[in-house]
Amino acid sequence: MDREILTYKGAKITITMVSILTLLQSMCIILQAVYLADLISHLFAREEVSNLVQKVLLFLCALVGRYCLSLLIKKIAYRFADRTGTDLRKQFFSTLFELGPTFTQKIGTGKLVTLSLEGTAQMRQYLELFIPKIVGMGI
């Protein structure tokens, strides 16, 4: 993992929350597999479908739990990435104002505008996707 991410405000809390939710999500995946396998084996044994309602409901609960946890992970990552992107843009502009107009002339206004708009948006998108993926791969 890029160690610089840990220096951003709220990164450790976000990574911890995403890790816990990813662990819960992995438990839901395992429960889905267990309930589905159990359901299929009972169907192959020619058990009546009406006797399997509880197993179907347990499978659906695991499925819905997994989906809800996935949405919550995405929401947490989005909030962190949005907040960090805004902070980076503010830092960029404050540094730009400190350097003054001669620096702006040297680099070029167009490049700086592009960097401030597209650069921070790309960083936000990177953080939004990177944190859940790296935590998921680690777990």
N, C-alpha and C. Protein backbone atom coordinates (compact mmCIF):
# COMPACT_ATOMS: atom_id res chain seq x y z
N MET A 1 0.85 -1.18 0.00
CA MET A 1 0.00 0.00 0.00
C MET A 1 0.89 1.24 0.00
N ASP A 2 0.46 2.24 -0.71
CA ASP A 2 1.18 3.50 -0.74
C ASP A 2 1.13 4.13 0.65
N ARG A 3 2.27 4.31 1.27
CA ARG A 3 2.32 4.79 2.65
C ARG A 3 1.86 6.24 2.78
N GLU A 4 1.88 6.97 1.70
CA GLU A 4 1.45 8.37 1.77
C GLU A 4 -0.05 8.47 2.07
N ILE A 5 -0.80 7.46 1.69
CA ILE A 5 -2.24 7.47 1.97
C ILE A 5 -2.50 7.55 3.46
N LEU A 6 -1.64 6.91 4.25
CA LEU A 6 -1.83 6.91 5.70
C LEU A 6 -1.62 8.28 6.32
N THR A 7 -1.01 9.21 5.58
CA THR A 7 -0.80 10.56 6.12
C THR A 7 -2.02 11.45 5.93
N TYR A 8 -2.96 11.04 5.10
CA TYR A 8 -4.15 11.85 4.89
C TYR A 8 -5.07 11.78 6.09
N LYS A 9 -5.75 12.88 6.34
CA LYS A 9 -6.64 12.98 7.49
C LYS A 9 -7.77 11.94 7.37
N GLY A 10 -7.91 11.12 8.40
CA GLY A 10 -8.98 10.13 8.45
C GLY A 10 -8.69 8.83 7.71
N ALA A 11 -7.47 8.67 7.19
CA ALA A 11 -7.15 7.47 6.41
C ALA A 11 -7.12 6.22 7.26
N LYS A 12 -6.54 6.30 8.44
CA LYS A 12 -6.43 5.12 9.30
C LYS A 12 -7.81 4.64 9.76
N ILE A 13 -8.66 5.57 10.09
CA ILE A 13 -10.02 5.21 10.51
C ILE A 13 -10.78 4.59 9.34
N THR A 14 -10.63 5.20 8.17
CA THR A 14 -11.31 4.68 6.97
C THR A 14 -10.84 3.28 6.64
N ILE A 15 -9.53 3.06 6.66
CA ILE A 15 -9.00 1.74 6.35
C ILE A 15 -9.44 0.72 7.38
N THR A 16 -9.49 1.11 8.65
CA THR A 16 -9.95 0.20 9.70
C THR A 16 -11.41 -0.16 9.50
N MET A 17 -12.24 0.84 9.22
CA MET A 17 -13.67 0.57 9.01
C MET A 17 -13.89 -0.31 7.78
N VAL A 18 -13.18 -0.01 6.70
CA VAL A 18 -13.31 -0.81 5.48
C VAL A 18 -12.82 -2.24 5.74
N SER A 19 -11.78 -2.39 6.54
CA SER A 19 -11.28 -3.73 6.86
C SER A 19 -12.30 -4.55 7.63
N ILE A 20 -12.91 -3.93 8.64
CA ILE A 20 -13.92 -4.64 9.44
C ILE A 20 -15.11 -5.02 8.57
N LEU A 21 -15.57 -4.08 7.75
CA LEU A 21 -16.72 -4.36 6.88
C LEU A 21 -16.38 -5.42 5.83
N THR A 22 -15.14 -5.42 5.35
CA THR A 22 -14.72 -6.43 4.38
C THR A 22 -14.67 -7.81 5.02
N LEU A 23 -14.24 -7.87 6.27
CA LEU A 23 -14.27 -9.15 6.99
C LEU A 23 -15.70 -9.67 7.14
N LEU A 24 -16.60 -8.77 7.50
CA LEU A 24 -18.01 -9.16 7.61
C LEU A 24 -18.56 -9.59 6.25
N GLN A 25 -18.16 -8.89 5.22
CA GLN A 25 -18.60 -9.24 3.87
C GLN A 25 -18.08 -10.61 3.46
N SER A 26 -16.85 -10.91 3.82
CA SER A 26 -16.30 -12.24 3.48
C SER A 26 -17.03 -13.34 4.24
N MET A 27 -17.46 -13.04 5.47
CA MET A 27 -18.26 -14.01 6.21
C MET A 27 -19.60 -14.25 5.52
N CYS A 28 -20.18 -13.19 4.99
CA CYS A 28 -21.44 -13.33 4.25
C CYS A 28 -21.24 -14.18 3.00
N ILE A 29 -20.11 -14.02 2.34
CA ILE A 29 -19.82 -14.82 1.14
C ILE A 29 -19.71 -16.30 1.51
N ILE A 30 -19.03 -16.57 2.61
CA ILE A 30 -18.90 -17.96 3.06
C ILE A 30 -20.27 -18.53 3.44
N LEU A 31 -21.08 -17.74 4.14
CA LEU A 31 -22.43 -18.20 4.50
C LEU A 31 -23.28 -18.44 3.26
N GLN A 32 -23.13 -17.59 2.26
CA GLN A 32 -23.86 -17.80 1.01
C GLN A 32 -23.49 -19.15 0.40
N ALA A 33 -22.20 -19.43 0.35
CA ALA A 33 -21.74 -20.69 -0.23
C ALA A 33 -22.26 -21.89 0.55
N VAL A 34 -22.23 -21.79 1.87
CA VAL A 34 -22.70 -22.90 2.72
C VAL A 34 -24.19 -23.13 2.52
N TYR A 35 -24.96 -22.05 2.58
CA TYR A 35 -26.42 -22.19 2.44
C TYR A 35 -26.81 -22.66 1.04
N LEU A 36 -26.12 -22.16 0.03
CA LEU A 36 -26.44 -22.58 -1.33
C LEU A 36 -26.08 -24.05 -1.55
N ALA A 37 -24.93 -24.47 -1.04
CA ALA A 37 -24.54 -25.87 -1.17
C ALA A 37 -25.52 -26.78 -0.43
N ASP A 38 -25.93 -26.36 0.75
CA ASP A 38 -26.89 -27.13 1.53
C ASP A 38 -28.24 -27.21 0.80
N LEU A 39 -28.64 -26.10 0.24
CA LEU A 39 -29.90 -26.04 -0.50
C LEU A 39 -29.86 -26.96 -1.72
N ILE A 40 -28.78 -26.91 -2.45
CA ILE A 40 -28.66 -27.74 -3.66
C ILE A 40 -28.60 -29.22 -3.30
N SER A 41 -27.88 -29.56 -2.23
CA SER A 41 -27.81 -30.98 -1.85
C SER A 41 -29.18 -31.50 -1.41
N HIS A 42 -29.97 -30.67 -0.74
CA HIS A 42 -31.33 -31.10 -0.35
C HIS A 42 -32.23 -31.23 -1.58
N LEU A 43 -32.04 -30.37 -2.56
CA LEU A 43 -32.84 -30.48 -3.78
C LEU A 43 -32.46 -31.74 -4.56
N PHE A 44 -31.18 -32.09 -4.58
CA PHE A 44 -30.77 -33.32 -5.25
C PHE A 44 -31.29 -34.56 -4.53
N ALA A 45 -31.50 -34.43 -3.23
CA ALA A 45 -32.05 -35.54 -2.44
C ALA A 45 -33.57 -35.62 -2.59
N ARG A 46 -34.11 -34.79 -3.48
CA ARG A 46 -35.55 -34.74 -3.79
C ARG A 46 -36.41 -34.36 -2.58
N GLU A 47 -35.86 -33.48 -1.78
CA GLU A 47 -36.65 -32.95 -0.67
C GLU A 47 -37.62 -31.91 -1.21
N GLU A 48 -38.76 -31.79 -0.59
CA GLU A 48 -39.77 -30.85 -1.07
C GLU A 48 -39.29 -29.41 -0.89
N VAL A 49 -39.66 -28.60 -1.85
CA VAL A 49 -39.24 -27.19 -1.83
C VAL A 49 -39.86 -26.46 -0.64
N SER A 50 -41.04 -26.84 -0.25
CA SER A 50 -41.70 -26.17 0.88
C SER A 50 -40.94 -26.39 2.19
N ASN A 51 -40.15 -27.46 2.30
CA ASN A 51 -39.34 -27.71 3.50
C ASN A 51 -38.04 -26.91 3.51
N LEU A 52 -37.72 -26.28 2.39
CA LEU A 52 -36.45 -25.58 2.26
C LEU A 52 -36.58 -24.06 2.36
N VAL A 53 -37.73 -23.60 2.76
CA VAL A 53 -37.97 -22.14 2.82
C VAL A 53 -36.99 -21.47 3.78
N GLN A 54 -36.74 -22.09 4.91
CA GLN A 54 -35.83 -21.49 5.88
C GLN A 54 -34.42 -21.38 5.30
N LYS A 55 -33.98 -22.39 4.59
CA LYS A 55 -32.64 -22.37 3.98
C LYS A 55 -32.55 -21.31 2.89
N VAL A 56 -33.61 -21.15 2.13
CA VAL A 56 -33.64 -20.11 1.10
C VAL A 56 -33.58 -18.74 1.75
N LEU A 57 -34.31 -18.55 2.84
CA LEU A 57 -34.30 -17.26 3.53
C LEU A 57 -32.93 -16.96 4.13
N LEU A 58 -32.27 -17.97 4.67
CA LEU A 58 -30.92 -17.76 5.20
C LEU A 58 -29.95 -17.37 4.08
N PHE A 59 -30.08 -18.03 2.94
CA PHE A 59 -29.24 -17.68 1.79
C PHE A 59 -29.51 -16.25 1.36
N LEU A 60 -30.77 -15.86 1.28
CA LEU A 60 -31.12 -14.50 0.86
C LEU A 60 -30.64 -13.46 1.87
N CYS A 61 -30.70 -13.80 3.16
CA CYS A 61 -30.19 -12.87 4.17
C CYS A 61 -28.69 -12.65 4.01
N ALA A 62 -27.95 -13.72 3.74
CA ALA A 62 -26.50 -13.59 3.52
C ALA A 62 -26.23 -12.76 2.25
N LEU A 63 -27.05 -12.97 1.23
CA LEU A 63 -26.89 -12.23 -0.02
C LEU A 63 -27.16 -10.74 0.19
N VAL A 64 -28.25 -10.43 0.87
CA VAL A 64 -28.60 -9.02 1.13
C VAL A 64 -27.56 -8.38 2.05
N GLY A 65 -27.09 -9.14 3.05
CA GLY A 65 -26.05 -8.61 3.94
C GLY A 65 -24.78 -8.28 3.19
N ARG A 66 -24.39 -9.15 2.29
CA ARG A 66 -23.19 -8.91 1.47
C ARG A 66 -23.37 -7.66 0.61
N TYR A 67 -24.53 -7.52 0.01
CA TYR A 67 -24.79 -6.37 -0.85
C TYR A 67 -24.79 -5.07 -0.03
N CYS A 68 -25.43 -5.08 1.14
CA CYS A 68 -25.47 -3.88 1.99
C CYS A 68 -24.08 -3.49 2.47
N LEU A 69 -23.28 -4.49 2.85
CA LEU A 69 -21.92 -4.20 3.28
C LEU A 69 -21.09 -3.63 2.13
N SER A 70 -21.31 -4.14 0.93
CA SER A 70 -20.60 -3.62 -0.23
C SER A 70 -20.95 -2.15 -0.47
N LEU A 71 -22.22 -1.82 -0.35
CA LEU A 71 -22.63 -0.42 -0.51
C LEU A 71 -22.04 0.48 0.57
N LEU A 72 -22.00 -0.03 1.79
CA LEU A 72 -21.46 0.75 2.90
C LEU A 72 -19.96 0.98 2.72
N ILE A 73 -19.25 -0.03 2.24
CA ILE A 73 -17.81 0.12 1.97
C ILE A 73 -17.59 1.19 0.90
N LYS A 74 -18.38 1.14 -0.16
CA LYS A 74 -18.24 2.14 -1.22
C LYS A 74 -18.56 3.54 -0.72
N LYS A 75 -19.55 3.66 0.13
CA LYS A 75 -19.93 4.96 0.67
C LYS A 75 -18.82 5.54 1.55
N ILE A 76 -18.25 4.71 2.39
CA ILE A 76 -17.16 5.16 3.27
C ILE A 76 -15.95 5.58 2.44
N ALA A 77 -15.60 4.78 1.45
CA ALA A 77 -14.46 5.11 0.59
C ALA A 77 -14.72 6.39 -0.20
N TYR A 78 -15.96 6.58 -0.68
CA TYR A 78 -16.30 7.78 -1.43
C TYR A 78 -16.16 9.02 -0.55
N ARG A 79 -16.68 8.94 0.68
CA ARG A 79 -16.59 10.10 1.57
C ARG A 79 -15.14 10.47 1.87
N PHE A 80 -14.33 9.45 2.14
CA PHE A 80 -12.92 9.73 2.42
C PHE A 80 -12.24 10.34 1.19
N ALA A 81 -12.48 9.76 0.04
CA ALA A 81 -11.84 10.25 -1.19
C ALA A 81 -12.31 11.67 -1.52
N ASP A 82 -13.58 11.96 -1.32
CA ASP A 82 -14.11 13.29 -1.60
C ASP A 82 -13.50 14.32 -0.66
N ARG A 83 -13.45 13.99 0.63
CA ARG A 83 -12.88 14.90 1.62
C ARG A 83 -11.39 15.12 1.35
N THR A 84 -10.66 14.06 1.02
CA THR A 84 -9.23 14.17 0.75
C THR A 84 -8.98 14.96 -0.53
N GLY A 85 -9.79 14.74 -1.56
CA GLY A 85 -9.66 15.49 -2.80
C GLY A 85 -9.87 16.99 -2.58
N THR A 86 -10.86 17.33 -1.77
CA THR A 86 -11.11 18.74 -1.44
C THR A 86 -9.94 19.33 -0.68
N ASP A 87 -9.40 18.59 0.28
CA ASP A 87 -8.24 19.07 1.04
C ASP A 87 -7.02 19.26 0.15
N LEU A 88 -6.80 18.32 -0.77
CA LEU A 88 -5.66 18.45 -1.68
C LEU A 88 -5.79 19.65 -2.60
N ARG A 89 -7.01 19.90 -3.06
CA ARG A 89 -7.24 21.07 -3.92
C ARG A 89 -6.97 22.36 -3.14
N LYS A 90 -7.41 22.41 -1.88
CA LYS A 90 -7.15 23.60 -1.05
C LYS A 90 -5.65 23.79 -0.83
N GLN A 91 -4.95 22.70 -0.55
CA GLN A 91 -3.50 22.78 -0.37
C GLN A 91 -2.82 23.27 -1.65
N PHE A 92 -3.29 22.77 -2.78
CA PHE A 92 -2.72 23.15 -4.06
C PHE A 92 -2.88 24.65 -4.28
N PHE A 93 -4.08 25.17 -4.05
CA PHE A 93 -4.31 26.60 -4.27
C PHE A 93 -3.55 27.46 -3.27
N SER A 94 -3.47 27.02 -2.02
CA SER A 94 -2.71 27.83 -1.05
C SER A 94 -1.22 27.86 -1.42
N THR A 95 -0.68 26.75 -1.88
CA THR A 95 0.72 26.72 -2.32
C THR A 95 0.90 27.58 -3.56
N LEU A 96 -0.07 27.52 -4.45
CA LEU A 96 -0.01 28.33 -5.67
C LEU A 96 -0.03 29.82 -5.35
N PHE A 97 -0.86 30.23 -4.39
CA PHE A 97 -0.90 31.65 -4.00
C PHE A 97 0.38 32.06 -3.29
N GLU A 98 0.99 31.14 -2.55
CA GLU A 98 2.26 31.47 -1.89
C GLU A 98 3.38 31.66 -2.91
N LEU A 99 3.37 30.85 -3.96
CA LEU A 99 4.43 30.95 -4.97
C LEU A 99 4.29 32.20 -5.84
N GLY A 100 3.07 32.68 -5.99
CA GLY A 100 2.86 33.94 -6.68
C GLY A 100 2.66 33.83 -8.18
N PRO A 101 2.43 34.99 -8.82
CA PRO A 101 2.12 35.01 -10.24
C PRO A 101 3.31 34.66 -11.14
N THR A 102 4.52 34.86 -10.68
CA THR A 102 5.66 34.52 -11.53
C THR A 102 5.73 33.00 -11.75
N PHE A 103 5.41 32.24 -10.73
CA PHE A 103 5.39 30.79 -10.87
C PHE A 103 4.28 30.38 -11.84
N THR A 104 3.12 31.04 -11.72
CA THR A 104 1.99 30.74 -12.60
C THR A 104 2.35 31.03 -14.05
N GLN A 105 3.05 32.12 -14.29
CA GLN A 105 3.48 32.44 -15.66
C GLN A 105 4.47 31.42 -16.18
N LYS A 106 5.39 30.97 -15.31
CA LYS A 106 6.40 30.00 -15.72
C LYS A 106 5.77 28.67 -16.14
N ILE A 107 4.86 28.18 -15.33
CA ILE A 107 4.23 26.87 -15.59
C ILE A 107 3.14 26.99 -16.65
N GLY A 108 2.37 28.03 -16.55
CA GLY A 108 1.26 28.21 -17.49
C GLY A 108 -0.08 28.02 -16.78
N THR A 109 -0.96 28.97 -17.03
CA THR A 109 -2.26 28.94 -16.36
C THR A 109 -3.07 27.72 -16.75
N GLY A 110 -3.03 27.36 -18.01
CA GLY A 110 -3.81 26.21 -18.49
C GLY A 110 -3.39 24.92 -17.81
N LYS A 111 -2.08 24.73 -17.66
CA LYS A 111 -1.59 23.52 -17.00
C LYS A 111 -2.03 23.47 -15.54
N LEU A 112 -1.97 24.61 -14.88
CA LEU A 112 -2.35 24.65 -13.47
C LEU A 112 -3.85 24.43 -13.28
N VAL A 113 -4.66 24.99 -14.17
CA VAL A 113 -6.10 24.77 -14.09
C VAL A 113 -6.42 23.30 -14.34
N THR A 114 -5.79 22.72 -15.33
CA THR A 114 -6.00 21.30 -15.63
C THR A 114 -5.58 20.44 -14.45
N LEU A 115 -4.44 20.76 -13.85
CA LEU A 115 -3.96 20.00 -12.70
C LEU A 115 -4.93 20.12 -11.52
N SER A 116 -5.42 21.34 -11.29
CA SER A 116 -6.31 21.52 -10.14
C SER A 116 -7.65 20.83 -10.34
N LEU A 117 -8.14 20.79 -11.56
CA LEU A 117 -9.44 20.17 -11.80
C LEU A 117 -9.32 18.66 -12.02
N GLU A 118 -8.53 18.27 -13.01
CA GLU A 118 -8.44 16.86 -13.37
C GLU A 118 -7.55 16.07 -12.41
N GLY A 119 -6.49 16.69 -11.96
CA GLY A 119 -5.56 15.99 -11.06
C GLY A 119 -6.20 15.58 -9.76
N THR A 120 -6.93 16.52 -9.15
CA THR A 120 -7.57 16.17 -7.88
C THR A 120 -8.73 15.21 -8.09
N ALA A 121 -9.42 15.33 -9.22
CA ALA A 121 -10.51 14.39 -9.50
C ALA A 121 -9.96 12.98 -9.71
N GLN A 122 -8.84 12.87 -10.39
CA GLN A 122 -8.23 11.56 -10.60
C GLN A 122 -7.69 10.98 -9.30
N MET A 123 -7.15 11.83 -8.45
CA MET A 123 -6.68 11.37 -7.14
C MET A 123 -7.84 10.88 -6.30
N ARG A 124 -8.95 11.60 -6.34
CA ARG A 124 -10.15 11.20 -5.61
C ARG A 124 -10.65 9.84 -6.09
N GLN A 125 -10.68 9.67 -7.40
CA GLN A 125 -11.15 8.40 -7.96
C GLN A 125 -10.19 7.27 -7.60
N TYR A 126 -8.90 7.55 -7.62
CA TYR A 126 -7.90 6.56 -7.24
C TYR A 126 -8.12 6.10 -5.80
N LEU A 127 -8.28 7.05 -4.88
CA LEU A 127 -8.50 6.70 -3.47
C LEU A 127 -9.79 5.93 -3.28
N GLU A 128 -10.82 6.34 -3.99
CA GLU A 128 -12.13 5.70 -3.87
C GLU A 128 -12.08 4.24 -4.29
N LEU A 129 -11.28 3.94 -5.29
CA LEU A 129 -11.18 2.56 -5.78
C LEU A 129 -10.07 1.78 -5.08
N PHE A 130 -8.98 2.44 -4.72
CA PHE A 130 -7.81 1.76 -4.21
C PHE A 130 -8.03 1.17 -2.82
N ILE A 131 -8.60 1.93 -1.92
CA ILE A 131 -8.72 1.48 -0.53
C ILE A 131 -9.56 0.20 -0.43
N PRO A 132 -10.78 0.14 -0.99
CA PRO A 132 -11.53 -1.12 -0.87
C PRO A 132 -10.84 -2.30 -1.57
N LYS A 133 -10.18 -2.05 -2.71
CA LYS A 133 -9.53 -3.14 -3.43
C LYS A 133 -8.33 -3.69 -2.66
N ILE A 134 -7.50 -2.80 -2.14
CA ILE A 134 -6.30 -3.27 -1.45
C ILE A 134 -6.66 -3.96 -0.14
N VAL A 135 -7.66 -3.47 0.55
CA VAL A 135 -8.10 -4.13 1.78
C VAL A 135 -8.70 -5.49 1.47
N GLY A 136 -9.52 -5.54 0.41
CA GLY A 136 -10.13 -6.81 0.00
C GLY A 136 -9.08 -7.83 -0.39
N MET A 137 -8.06 -7.40 -1.11
CA MET A 137 -6.99 -8.31 -1.51
C MET A 137 -6.20 -8.78 -0.29
N GLY A 138 -6.00 -7.90 0.65
CA GLY A 138 -5.25 -8.26 1.86
C GLY A 138 -6.00 -9.27 2.71
N ILE A 139 -7.29 -9.10 2.80
CA ILE A 139 -8.10 -10.02 3.61
C ILE A 139 -8.34 -11.31 2.87
